Amino acid sequence: MVVLIIEHVPTSLRGTLSRWMIEPRAGVFVGHISAMVREKLWELIMKRAPNGGAIMLHSAQTEQGFAVRQYGDTTRQVVDMEGLALIKRLVAPTPPSTPAVADTNVSTTAT
């Protein structure tokens, strides 16, 4: 089983991938393909999407039962934690918030 998640790639590459795998959601491909086809598709992604990004998960004899590869700039990063592949979500830094300023010019009148 292979799961492939691609971001910022040409539409033509998505069309090519859809010949081998199904696309249940935009940019997410799932299929049962041979190791040779998997390698060829990975090479194709790296060649045709120089500004894009991809994460591939495929069955492997590991502790988790799968292996993970990453290429290019994606919104997630694969992190190895003591032999386990974890996904770290990258969040754009937020600008510091402006502190609230109290209005000191308000006059109160006692009645």
PDB file of N, CA and C in Angstrom:
ATOM      1  N   MET A   1       0.854  -1.172   0.000  1.00  0.00           N
ATOM      2  CA  MET A   1       0.000   0.000   0.000  1.00  0.00           C
ATOM      3  C   MET A   1       0.898   1.232   0.000  1.00  0.00           C
ATOM      4  N   VAL A   2       0.530   2.195  -0.809  1.00  0.00           N
ATOM      5  CA  VAL A   2       1.270   3.446  -0.916  1.00  0.00           C
ATOM      6  C   VAL A   2       0.293   4.612  -0.767  1.00  0.00           C
ATOM      7  N   VAL A   3       0.663   5.588   0.056  1.00  0.00           N
ATOM      8  CA  VAL A   3      -0.093   6.829   0.190  1.00  0.00           C
ATOM      9  C   VAL A   3       0.870   7.949  -0.173  1.00  0.00           C
ATOM     10  N   LEU A   4       0.433   8.816  -1.066  1.00  0.00           N
ATOM     11  CA  LEU A   4       1.268   9.905  -1.550  1.00  0.00           C
ATOM     12  C   LEU A   4       0.498  11.211  -1.396  1.00  0.00           C
ATOM     13  N   ILE A   5       1.112  12.184  -0.748  1.00  0.00           N
ATOM     14  CA  ILE A   5       0.492  13.496  -0.547  1.00  0.00           C
ATOM     15  C   ILE A   5       1.380  14.521  -1.235  1.00  0.00           C
ATOM     16  N   ILE A   6       0.810  15.249  -2.181  1.00  0.00           N
ATOM     17  CA  ILE A   6       1.592  16.225  -2.941  1.00  0.00           C
ATOM     18  C   ILE A   6       0.999  17.617  -2.765  1.00  0.00           C
ATOM     19  N   GLU A   7       1.880  18.617  -2.812  1.00  0.00           N
ATOM     20  CA  GLU A   7       1.461  20.015  -2.668  1.00  0.00           C
ATOM     21  C   GLU A   7       2.190  20.871  -3.686  1.00  0.00           C
ATOM     22  N   HIS A   8       1.512  21.816  -4.263  1.00  0.00           N
ATOM     23  CA  HIS A   8       2.096  22.797  -5.187  1.00  0.00           C
ATOM     24  C   HIS A   8       2.804  22.132  -6.366  1.00  0.00           C
ATOM     25  N   VAL A   9       2.103  21.211  -7.008  1.00  0.00           N
ATOM     26  CA  VAL A   9       2.669  20.524  -8.175  1.00  0.00           C
ATOM     27  C   VAL A   9       1.811  20.826  -9.398  1.00  0.00           C
ATOM     28  N   PRO A  10       2.371  20.661 -10.596  1.00  0.00           N
ATOM     29  CA  PRO A  10       1.590  20.910 -11.805  1.00  0.00           C
ATOM     30  C   PRO A  10       0.411  19.936 -11.931  1.00  0.00           C
ATOM     31  N   THR A  11      -0.660  20.402 -12.530  1.00  0.00           N
ATOM     32  CA  THR A  11      -1.841  19.570 -12.746  1.00  0.00           C
ATOM     33  C   THR A  11      -1.506  18.345 -13.588  1.00  0.00           C
ATOM     34  N   SER A  12      -0.596  18.500 -14.530  1.00  0.00           N
ATOM     35  CA  SER A  12      -0.226  17.372 -15.384  1.00  0.00           C
ATOM     36  C   SER A  12       0.398  16.238 -14.568  1.00  0.00           C
ATOM     37  N   LEU A  13       1.127  16.570 -13.509  1.00  0.00           N
ATOM     38  CA  LEU A  13       1.714  15.532 -12.659  1.00  0.00           C
ATOM     39  C   LEU A  13       0.623  14.789 -11.903  1.00  0.00           C
ATOM     40  N   ARG A  14      -0.378  15.497 -11.450  1.00  0.00           N
ATOM     41  CA  ARG A  14      -1.513  14.842 -10.785  1.00  0.00           C
ATOM     42  C   ARG A  14      -2.209  13.886 -11.740  1.00  0.00           C
ATOM     43  N   GLY A  15      -2.322  14.296 -13.005  1.00  0.00           N
ATOM     44  CA  GLY A  15      -2.932  13.418 -14.003  1.00  0.00           C
ATOM     45  C   GLY A  15      -2.122  12.153 -14.231  1.00  0.00           C
ATOM     46  N   THR A  16      -0.806  12.306 -14.263  1.00  0.00           N
ATOM     47  CA  THR A  16       0.068  11.145 -14.437  1.00  0.00           C
ATOM     48  C   THR A  16      -0.052  10.194 -13.253  1.00  0.00           C
ATOM     49  N   LEU A  17      -0.061  10.738 -12.046  1.00  0.00           N
ATOM     50  CA  LEU A  17      -0.186   9.894 -10.855  1.00  0.00           C
ATOM     51  C   LEU A  17      -1.526   9.172 -10.812  1.00  0.00           C
ATOM     52  N   SER A  18      -2.569   9.805 -11.341  1.00  0.00           N
ATOM     53  CA  SER A  18      -3.896   9.184 -11.312  1.00  0.00           C
ATOM     54  C   SER A  18      -3.999   7.978 -12.244  1.00  0.00           C
ATOM     55  N   ARG A  19      -3.022   7.778 -13.096  1.00  0.00           N
ATOM     56  CA  ARG A  19      -2.996   6.567 -13.932  1.00  0.00           C
ATOM     57  C   ARG A  19      -2.663   5.336 -13.099  1.00  0.00           C
ATOM     58  N   TRP A  20      -1.923   5.550 -12.010  1.00  0.00           N
ATOM     59  CA  TRP A  20      -1.446   4.438 -11.199  1.00  0.00           C
ATOM     60  C   TRP A  20      -2.169   4.303  -9.864  1.00  0.00           C
ATOM     61  N   MET A  21      -2.724   5.413  -9.379  1.00  0.00           N
ATOM     62  CA  MET A  21      -3.325   5.435  -8.050  1.00  0.00           C
ATOM     63  C   MET A  21      -4.648   6.188  -8.105  1.00  0.00           C
ATOM     64  N   ILE A  22      -5.475   6.016  -7.080  1.00  0.00           N
ATOM     65  CA  ILE A  22      -6.709   6.799  -7.018  1.00  0.00           C
ATOM     66  C   ILE A  22      -6.434   8.072  -6.218  1.00  0.00           C
ATOM     67  N   GLU A  23      -7.229   9.106  -6.475  1.00  0.00           N
ATOM     68  CA  GLU A  23      -7.084  10.390  -5.793  1.00  0.00           C
ATOM     69  C   GLU A  23      -8.376  10.687  -5.032  1.00  0.00           C
ATOM     70  N   PRO A  24      -8.497  10.170  -3.791  1.00  0.00           N
ATOM     71  CA  PRO A  24      -9.741  10.380  -3.043  1.00  0.00           C
ATOM     72  C   PRO A  24      -9.965  11.820  -2.618  1.00  0.00           C
ATOM     73  N   ARG A  25      -8.902  12.596  -2.562  1.00  0.00           N
ATOM     74  CA  ARG A  25      -8.977  14.012  -2.208  1.00  0.00           C
ATOM     75  C   ARG A  25      -7.871  14.715  -2.980  1.00  0.00           C
ATOM     76  N   ALA A  26      -8.053  15.972  -3.286  1.00  0.00           N
ATOM     77  CA  ALA A  26      -7.066  16.702  -4.077  1.00  0.00           C
ATOM     78  C   ALA A  26      -5.677  16.593  -3.443  1.00  0.00           C
ATOM     79  N   GLY A  27      -4.733  16.077  -4.221  1.00  0.00           N
ATOM     80  CA  GLY A  27      -3.355  15.969  -3.770  1.00  0.00           C
ATOM     81  C   GLY A  27      -3.031  14.742  -2.944  1.00  0.00           C
ATOM     82  N   VAL A  28      -4.009  13.880  -2.692  1.00  0.00           N
ATOM     83  CA  VAL A  28      -3.785  12.656  -1.916  1.00  0.00           C
ATOM     84  C   VAL A  28      -4.032  11.464  -2.835  1.00  0.00           C
ATOM     85  N   PHE A  29      -3.026  10.620  -2.975  1.00  0.00           N
ATOM     86  CA  PHE A  29      -3.116   9.455  -3.855  1.00  0.00           C
ATOM     87  C   PHE A  29      -2.896   8.191  -3.044  1.00  0.00           C
ATOM     88  N   VAL A  30      -3.674   7.154  -3.349  1.00  0.00           N
ATOM     89  CA  VAL A  30      -3.589   5.876  -2.643  1.00  0.00           C
ATOM     90  C   VAL A  30      -3.589   4.764  -3.670  1.00  0.00           C
ATOM     91  N   GLY A  31      -2.728   3.761  -3.458  1.00  0.00           N
ATOM     92  CA  GLY A  31      -2.714   2.635  -4.374  1.00  0.00           C
ATOM     93  C   GLY A  31      -1.843   1.500  -3.890  1.00  0.00           C
ATOM     94  N   HIS A  32      -1.985   0.380  -4.556  1.00  0.00           N
ATOM     95  CA  HIS A  32      -1.165  -0.800  -4.288  1.00  0.00           C
ATOM     96  C   HIS A  32      -0.319  -1.019  -5.538  1.00  0.00           C
ATOM     97  N   ILE A  33       0.909  -0.526  -5.510  1.00  0.00           N
ATOM     98  CA  ILE A  33       1.792  -0.599  -6.671  1.00  0.00           C
ATOM     99  C   ILE A  33       3.090  -1.285  -6.276  1.00  0.00           C
ATOM    100  N   SER A  34       3.807  -1.788  -7.273  1.00  0.00           N
ATOM    101  CA  SER A  34       5.069  -2.470  -6.999  1.00  0.00           C
ATOM    102  C   SER A  34       6.144  -1.473  -6.558  1.00  0.00           C
ATOM    103  N   ALA A  35       7.213  -1.995  -5.962  1.00  0.00           N
ATOM    104  CA  ALA A  35       8.315  -1.145  -5.509  1.00  0.00           C
ATOM    105  C   ALA A  35       8.957  -0.422  -6.686  1.00  0.00           C
ATOM    106  N   MET A  36       9.047  -1.079  -7.830  1.00  0.00           N
ATOM    107  CA  MET A  36       9.655  -0.447  -8.998  1.00  0.00           C
ATOM    108  C   MET A  36       8.815   0.738  -9.478  1.00  0.00           C
ATOM    109  N   VAL A  37       7.516   0.567  -9.552  1.00  0.00           N
ATOM    110  CA  VAL A  37       6.630   1.657  -9.976  1.00  0.00           C
ATOM    111  C   VAL A  37       6.682   2.774  -8.946  1.00  0.00           C
ATOM    112  N   ARG A  38       6.685   2.426  -7.666  1.00  0.00           N
ATOM    113  CA  ARG A  38       6.776   3.432  -6.592  1.00  0.00           C
ATOM    114  C   ARG A  38       8.040   4.288  -6.746  1.00  0.00           C
ATOM    115  N   GLU A  39       9.183   3.646  -7.010  1.00  0.00           N
ATOM    116  CA  GLU A  39      10.448   4.366  -7.192  1.00  0.00           C
ATOM    117  C   GLU A  39      10.406   5.272  -8.421  1.00  0.00           C
ATOM    118  N   LYS A  40       9.837   4.768  -9.512  1.00  0.00           N
ATOM    119  CA  LYS A  40       9.740   5.565 -10.743  1.00  0.00           C
ATOM    120  C   LYS A  40       8.838   6.773 -10.537  1.00  0.00           C
ATOM    121  N   LEU A  41       7.724   6.592  -9.827  1.00  0.00           N
ATOM    122  CA  LEU A  41       6.828   7.722  -9.559  1.00  0.00           C
ATOM    123  C   LEU A  41       7.508   8.752  -8.658  1.00  0.00           C
ATOM    124  N   TRP A  42       8.297   8.298  -7.686  1.00  0.00           N
ATOM    125  CA  TRP A  42       9.004   9.223  -6.796  1.00  0.00           C
ATOM    126  C   TRP A  42      10.014  10.043  -7.592  1.00  0.00           C
ATOM    127  N   GLU A  43      10.753   9.386  -8.488  1.00  0.00           N
ATOM    128  CA  GLU A  43      11.707  10.100  -9.341  1.00  0.00           C
ATOM    129  C   GLU A  43      10.988  11.120 -10.223  1.00  0.00           C
ATOM    130  N   LEU A  44       9.824  10.735 -10.735  1.00  0.00           N
ATOM    131  CA  LEU A  44       9.030  11.631 -11.575  1.00  0.00           C
ATOM    132  C   LEU A  44       8.584  12.867 -10.794  1.00  0.00           C
ATOM    133  N   ILE A  45       8.162  12.674  -9.562  1.00  0.00           N
ATOM    134  CA  ILE A  45       7.738  13.796  -8.721  1.00  0.00           C
ATOM    135  C   ILE A  45       8.903  14.758  -8.503  1.00  0.00           C
ATOM    136  N   MET A  46      10.065  14.225  -8.173  1.00  0.00           N
ATOM    137  CA  MET A  46      11.222  15.082  -7.917  1.00  0.00           C
ATOM    138  C   MET A  46      11.653  15.826  -9.186  1.00  0.00           C
ATOM    139  N   LYS A  47      11.457  15.219 -10.341  1.00  0.00           N
ATOM    140  CA  LYS A  47      11.855  15.839 -11.612  1.00  0.00           C
ATOM    141  C   LYS A  47      10.867  16.915 -12.056  1.00  0.00           C
ATOM    142  N   ARG A  48       9.565  16.623 -11.940  1.00  0.00           N
ATOM    143  CA  ARG A  48       8.555  17.512 -12.510  1.00  0.00           C
ATOM    144  C   ARG A  48       7.966  18.524 -11.526  1.00  0.00           C
ATOM    145  N   ALA A  49       8.358  18.446 -10.260  1.00  0.00           N
ATOM    146  CA  ALA A  49       7.821  19.392  -9.275  1.00  0.00           C
ATOM    147  C   ALA A  49       8.956  20.004  -8.463  1.00  0.00           C
ATOM    148  N   PRO A  50       9.835  20.782  -9.113  1.00  0.00           N
ATOM    149  CA  PRO A  50      10.978  21.346  -8.384  1.00  0.00           C
ATOM    150  C   PRO A  50      10.572  22.330  -7.290  1.00  0.00           C
ATOM    151  N   ASN A  51       9.422  22.962  -7.426  1.00  0.00           N
ATOM    152  CA  ASN A  51       8.964  23.925  -6.418  1.00  0.00           C
ATOM    153  C   ASN A  51       7.868  23.368  -5.532  1.00  0.00           C
ATOM    154  N   GLY A  52       7.526  22.098  -5.754  1.00  0.00           N
ATOM    155  CA  GLY A  52       6.454  21.474  -4.983  1.00  0.00           C
ATOM    156  C   GLY A  52       6.996  20.665  -3.829  1.00  0.00           C
ATOM    157  N   GLY A  53       6.123  19.896  -3.233  1.00  0.00           N
ATOM    158  CA  GLY A  53       6.518  19.048  -2.119  1.00  0.00           C
ATOM    159  C   GLY A  53       5.699  17.775  -2.114  1.00  0.00           C
ATOM    160  N   ALA A  54       6.257  16.728  -1.501  1.00  0.00           N
ATOM    161  CA  ALA A  54       5.566  15.447  -1.443  1.00  0.00           C
ATOM    162  C   ALA A  54       5.975  14.679  -0.201  1.00  0.00           C
ATOM    163  N   ILE A  55       5.035  13.904   0.308  1.00  0.00           N
ATOM    164  CA  ILE A  55       5.293  12.947   1.384  1.00  0.00           C
ATOM    165  C   ILE A  55       4.735  11.616   0.901  1.00  0.00           C
ATOM    166  N   MET A  56       5.567  10.574   0.970  1.00  0.00           N
ATOM    167  CA  MET A  56       5.143   9.241   0.557  1.00  0.00           C
ATOM    168  C   MET A  56       5.255   8.292   1.743  1.00  0.00           C
ATOM    169  N   LEU A  57       4.195   7.536   1.972  1.00  0.00           N
ATOM    170  CA  LEU A  57       4.195   6.489   2.981  1.00  0.00           C
ATOM    171  C   LEU A  57       3.964   5.174   2.253  1.00  0.00           C
ATOM    172  N   HIS A  58       4.773   4.169   2.559  1.00  0.00           N
ATOM    173  CA  HIS A  58       4.587   2.873   1.914  1.00  0.00           C
ATOM    174  C   HIS A  58       4.877   1.739   2.886  1.00  0.00           C
ATOM    175  N   SER A  59       4.301   0.591   2.627  1.00  0.00           N
ATOM    176  CA  SER A  59       4.490  -0.577   3.473  1.00  0.00           C
ATOM    177  C   SER A  59       5.963  -0.937   3.540  1.00  0.00           C
ATOM    178  N   ALA A  60       6.444  -1.289   4.752  1.00  0.00           N
ATOM    179  CA  ALA A  60       7.834  -1.682   4.941  1.00  0.00           C
ATOM    180  C   ALA A  60       7.946  -2.509   6.215  1.00  0.00           C
ATOM    181  N   GLN A  61       9.019  -3.244   6.321  1.00  0.00           N
ATOM    182  CA  GLN A  61       9.280  -4.071   7.510  1.00  0.00           C
ATOM    183  C   GLN A  61       9.924  -3.209   8.605  1.00  0.00           C
ATOM    184  N   THR A  62       9.141  -2.327   9.184  1.00  0.00           N
ATOM    185  CA  THR A  62       9.610  -1.465  10.267  1.00  0.00           C
ATOM    186  C   THR A  62       8.715  -1.665  11.479  1.00  0.00           C
ATOM    187  N   GLU A  63       9.086  -1.027  12.551  1.00  0.00           N
ATOM    188  CA  GLU A  63       8.305  -1.106  13.792  1.00  0.00           C
ATOM    189  C   GLU A  63       6.861  -0.657  13.565  1.00  0.00           C
ATOM    190  N   GLN A  64       6.673   0.378  12.742  1.00  0.00           N
ATOM    191  CA  GLN A  64       5.331   0.910  12.471  1.00  0.00           C
ATOM    192  C   GLN A  64       4.640   0.200  11.315  1.00  0.00           C
ATOM    193  N   GLY A  65       5.391  -0.551  10.523  1.00  0.00           N
ATOM    194  CA  GLY A  65       4.802  -1.251   9.386  1.00  0.00           C
ATOM    195  C   GLY A  65       4.814  -0.423   8.111  1.00  0.00           C
ATOM    196  N   PHE A  66       5.426   0.761   8.161  1.00  0.00           N
ATOM    197  CA  PHE A  66       5.525   1.602   6.974  1.00  0.00           C
ATOM    198  C   PHE A  66       6.774   2.462   7.046  1.00  0.00           C
ATOM    199  N   ALA A  67       7.170   2.992   5.898  1.00  0.00           N
ATOM    200  CA  ALA A  67       8.292   3.924   5.802  1.00  0.00           C
ATOM    201  C   ALA A  67       7.767   5.237   5.245  1.00  0.00           C
ATOM    202  N   VAL A  68       8.477   6.325   5.552  1.00  0.00           N
ATOM    203  CA  VAL A  68       8.047   7.660   5.122  1.00  0.00           C
ATOM    204  C   VAL A  68       9.199   8.349   4.411  1.00  0.00           C
ATOM    205  N   ARG A  69       8.870   9.026   3.292  1.00  0.00           N
ATOM    206  CA  ARG A  69       9.835   9.861   2.569  1.00  0.00           C
ATOM    207  C   ARG A  69       9.238  11.242   2.405  1.00  0.00           C
ATOM    208  N   GLN A  70      10.116  12.220   2.322  1.00  0.00           N
ATOM    209  CA  GLN A  70       9.655  13.586   2.117  1.00  0.00           C
ATOM    210  C   GLN A  70      10.542  14.259   1.092  1.00  0.00           C
ATOM    211  N   TYR A  71       9.919  15.085   0.258  1.00  0.00           N
ATOM    212  CA  TYR A  71      10.654  15.846  -0.755  1.00  0.00           C
ATOM    213  C   TYR A  71      10.093  17.252  -0.812  1.00  0.00           C
ATOM    214  N   GLY A  72      10.977  18.245  -0.908  1.00  0.00           N
ATOM    215  CA  GLY A  72      10.560  19.622  -1.151  1.00  0.00           C
ATOM    216  C   GLY A  72       9.936  20.303   0.046  1.00  0.00           C
ATOM    217  N   ASP A  73       9.201  21.350  -0.258  1.00  0.00           N
ATOM    218  CA  ASP A  73       8.599  22.213   0.744  1.00  0.00           C
ATOM    219  C   ASP A  73       7.150  21.805   0.962  1.00  0.00           C
ATOM    220  N   THR A  74       6.857  21.220   2.120  1.00  0.00           N
ATOM    221  CA  THR A  74       5.487  20.841   2.459  1.00  0.00           C
ATOM    222  C   THR A  74       5.084  21.540   3.747  1.00  0.00           C
ATOM    223  N   THR A  75       3.816  21.458   4.090  1.00  0.00           N
ATOM    224  CA  THR A  75       3.336  22.091   5.314  1.00  0.00           C
ATOM    225  C   THR A  75       3.555  21.196   6.529  1.00  0.00           C
ATOM    226  N   ARG A  76       4.125  20.015   6.283  1.00  0.00           N
ATOM    227  CA  ARG A  76       4.416  19.085   7.366  1.00  0.00           C
ATOM    228  C   ARG A  76       5.837  18.570   7.217  1.00  0.00           C
ATOM    229  N   GLN A  77       6.431  18.184   8.331  1.00  0.00           N
ATOM    230  CA  GLN A  77       7.803  17.693   8.318  1.00  0.00           C
ATOM    231  C   GLN A  77       7.835  16.334   9.005  1.00  0.00           C
ATOM    232  N   VAL A  78       8.542  15.382   8.406  1.00  0.00           N
ATOM    233  CA  VAL A  78       8.696  14.058   8.998  1.00  0.00           C
ATOM    234  C   VAL A  78       9.850  14.133   9.996  1.00  0.00           C
ATOM    235  N   VAL A  79       9.582  13.701  11.225  1.00  0.00           N
ATOM    236  CA  VAL A  79      10.575  13.737  12.293  1.00  0.00           C
ATOM    237  C   VAL A  79      10.782  12.317  12.798  1.00  0.00           C
ATOM    238  N   ASP A  80      12.040  11.901  12.926  1.00  0.00           N
ATOM    239  CA  ASP A  80      12.359  10.585  13.462  1.00  0.00           C
ATOM    240  C   ASP A  80      12.559  10.709  14.970  1.00  0.00           C
ATOM    241  N   MET A  81      11.748   9.993  15.734  1.00  0.00           N
ATOM    242  CA  MET A  81      11.845  10.033  17.195  1.00  0.00           C
ATOM    243  C   MET A  81      12.088   8.604  17.682  1.00  0.00           C
ATOM    244  N   GLU A  82      13.355   8.291  17.925  1.00  0.00           N
ATOM    245  CA  GLU A  82      13.765   6.970  18.399  1.00  0.00           C
ATOM    246  C   GLU A  82      13.255   5.858  17.488  1.00  0.00           C
ATOM    247  N   GLY A  83      13.386   6.066  16.186  1.00  0.00           N
ATOM    248  CA  GLY A  83      12.996   5.044  15.216  1.00  0.00           C
ATOM    249  C   GLY A  83      11.551   5.105  14.766  1.00  0.00           C
ATOM    250  N   LEU A  84      10.759   5.987  15.330  1.00  0.00           N
ATOM    251  CA  LEU A  84       9.364   6.139  14.918  1.00  0.00           C
ATOM    252  C   LEU A  84       9.224   7.405  14.091  1.00  0.00           C
ATOM    253  N   ALA A  85       8.514   7.303  12.993  1.00  0.00           N
ATOM    254  CA  ALA A  85       8.268   8.467  12.141  1.00  0.00           C
ATOM    255  C   ALA A  85       7.061   9.215  12.671  1.00  0.00           C
ATOM    256  N   LEU A  86       7.271  10.482  12.975  1.00  0.00           N
ATOM    257  CA  LEU A  86       6.195  11.352  13.442  1.00  0.00           C
ATOM    258  C   LEU A  86       6.064  12.515  12.475  1.00  0.00           C
ATOM    259  N   ILE A  87       4.894  13.102  12.417  1.00  0.00           N
ATOM    260  CA  ILE A  87       4.650  14.237  11.535  1.00  0.00           C
ATOM    261  C   ILE A  87       4.525  15.493  12.376  1.00  0.00           C
ATOM    262  N   LYS A  88       5.333  16.486  12.020  1.00  0.00           N
ATOM    263  CA  LYS A  88       5.304  17.778  12.702  1.00  0.00           C
ATOM    264  C   LYS A  88       4.657  18.784  11.762  1.00  0.00           C
ATOM    265  N   ARG A  89       3.628  19.425  12.222  1.00  0.00           N
ATOM    266  CA  ARG A  89       2.929  20.415  11.405  1.00  0.00           C
ATOM    267  C   ARG A  89       3.644  21.748  11.544  1.00  0.00           C
ATOM    268  N   LEU A  90       4.020  22.313  10.411  1.00  0.00           N
ATOM    269  CA  LEU A  90       4.716  23.592  10.419  1.00  0.00           C
ATOM    270  C   LEU A  90       3.696  24.712  10.373  1.00  0.00           C
ATOM    271  N   VAL A  91       3.807  25.631  11.313  1.00  0.00           N
ATOM    272  CA  VAL A  91       2.865  26.744  11.416  1.00  0.00           C
ATOM    273  C   VAL A  91       3.648  28.028  11.182  1.00  0.00           C
ATOM    274  N   ALA A  92       3.118  28.891  10.342  1.00  0.00           N
ATOM    275  CA  ALA A  92       3.761  30.179  10.085  1.00  0.00           C
ATOM    276  C   ALA A  92       3.749  31.000  11.362  1.00  0.00           C
ATOM    277  N   PRO A  93       4.848  31.685  11.659  1.00  0.00           N
ATOM    278  CA  PRO A  93       4.871  32.500  12.875  1.00  0.00           C
ATOM    279  C   PRO A  93       3.851  33.625  12.804  1.00  0.00           C
ATOM    280  N   THR A  94       3.205  33.867  13.922  1.00  0.00           N
ATOM    281  CA  THR A  94       2.217  34.944  13.970  1.00  0.00           C
ATOM    282  C   THR A  94       2.888  36.191  14.515  1.00  0.00           C
ATOM    283  N   PRO A  95       2.537  37.344  13.978  1.00  0.00           N
ATOM    284  CA  PRO A  95       3.131  38.579  14.481  1.00  0.00           C
ATOM    285  C   PRO A  95       2.687  38.824  15.915  1.00  0.00           C
ATOM    286  N   PRO A  96       3.523  39.478  16.706  1.00  0.00           N
ATOM    287  CA  PRO A  96       3.125  39.748  18.098  1.00  0.00           C
ATOM    288  C   PRO A  96       1.877  40.615  18.125  1.00  0.00           C
ATOM    289  N   SER A  97       1.000  40.304  19.054  1.00  0.00           N
ATOM    290  CA  SER A  97      -0.244  41.075  19.140  1.00  0.00           C
ATOM    291  C   SER A  97       0.023  42.409  19.827  1.00  0.00           C
ATOM    292  N   THR A  98      -0.755  43.397  19.429  1.00  0.00           N
ATOM    293  CA  THR A  98      -0.640  44.727  20.014  1.00  0.00           C
ATOM    294  C   THR A  98      -1.389  44.729  21.334  1.00  0.00           C
ATOM    295  N   PRO A  99      -0.725  45.160  22.408  1.00  0.00           N
ATOM    296  CA  PRO A  99      -1.428  45.169  23.700  1.00  0.00           C
ATOM    297  C   PRO A  99      -2.604  46.148  23.667  1.00  0.00           C
ATOM    298  N   ALA A 100      -3.635  45.791  24.384  1.00  0.00           N
ATOM    299  CA  ALA A 100      -4.810  46.663  24.462  1.00  0.00           C
ATOM    300  C   ALA A 100      -4.454  47.936  25.223  1.00  0.00           C
ATOM    301  N   VAL A 101      -4.919  49.047  24.726  1.00  0.00           N
ATOM    302  CA  VAL A 101      -4.636  50.347  25.354  1.00  0.00           C
ATOM    303  C   VAL A 101      -5.924  50.819  26.019  1.00  0.00           C
ATOM    304  N   ALA A 102      -5.809  51.123  27.300  1.00  0.00           N
ATOM    305  CA  ALA A 102      -6.979  51.611  28.037  1.00  0.00           C
ATOM    306  C   ALA A 102      -7.204  53.069  27.712  1.00  0.00           C
ATOM    307  N   ASP A 103      -8.452  53.468  27.563  1.00  0.00           N
ATOM    308  CA  ASP A 103      -8.794  54.854  27.286  1.00  0.00           C
ATOM    309  C   ASP A 103      -8.860  55.590  28.629  1.00  0.00           C
ATOM    310  N   THR A 104      -7.893  56.463  28.862  1.00  0.00           N
ATOM    311  CA  THR A 104      -7.814  57.182  30.148  1.00  0.00           C
ATOM    312  C   THR A 104      -8.543  58.509  30.108  1.00  0.00           C
ATOM    313  N   ASN A 105      -9.141  58.870  28.983  1.00  0.00           N
ATOM    314  CA  ASN A 105      -9.819  60.147  28.851  1.00  0.00           C
ATOM    315  C   ASN A 105     -11.313  60.052  29.156  1.00  0.00           C
ATOM    316  N   VAL A 106     -11.737  58.968  29.747  1.00  0.00           N
ATOM    317  CA  VAL A 106     -13.147  58.806  30.055  1.00  0.00           C
ATOM    318  C   VAL A 106     -13.434  59.435  31.415  1.00  0.00           C
ATOM    319  N   SER A 107     -14.418  60.302  31.437  1.00  0.00           N
ATOM    320  CA  SER A 107     -14.759  60.940  32.710  1.00  0.00           C
ATOM    321  C   SER A 107     -16.026  60.304  33.244  1.00  0.00           C
ATOM    322  N   THR A 108     -16.038  60.078  34.520  1.00  0.00           N
ATOM    323  CA  THR A 108     -17.213  59.513  35.150  1.00  0.00           C
ATOM    324  C   THR A 108     -17.833  60.586  36.044  1.00  0.00           C
ATOM    325  N   THR A 109     -19.107  60.681  36.016  1.00  0.00           N
ATOM    326  CA  THR A 109     -19.806  61.685  36.813  1.00  0.00           C
ATOM    327  C   THR A 109     -20.673  60.965  37.817  1.00  0.00           C
ATOM    328  N   ALA A 110     -20.521  61.337  39.071  1.00  0.00           N
ATOM    329  CA  ALA A 110     -21.340  60.730  40.120  1.00  0.00           C
ATOM    330  C   ALA A 110     -22.649  61.507  40.218  1.00  0.00           C
ATOM    331  N   THR A 111     -23.728  60.827  40.370  1.00  0.00           N
ATOM    332  CA  THR A 111     -25.020  61.511  40.517  1.00  0.00           C
ATOM    333  C   THR A 111     -25.598  61.284  41.867  1.00  0.00           C
TER     334      THR A 111
END
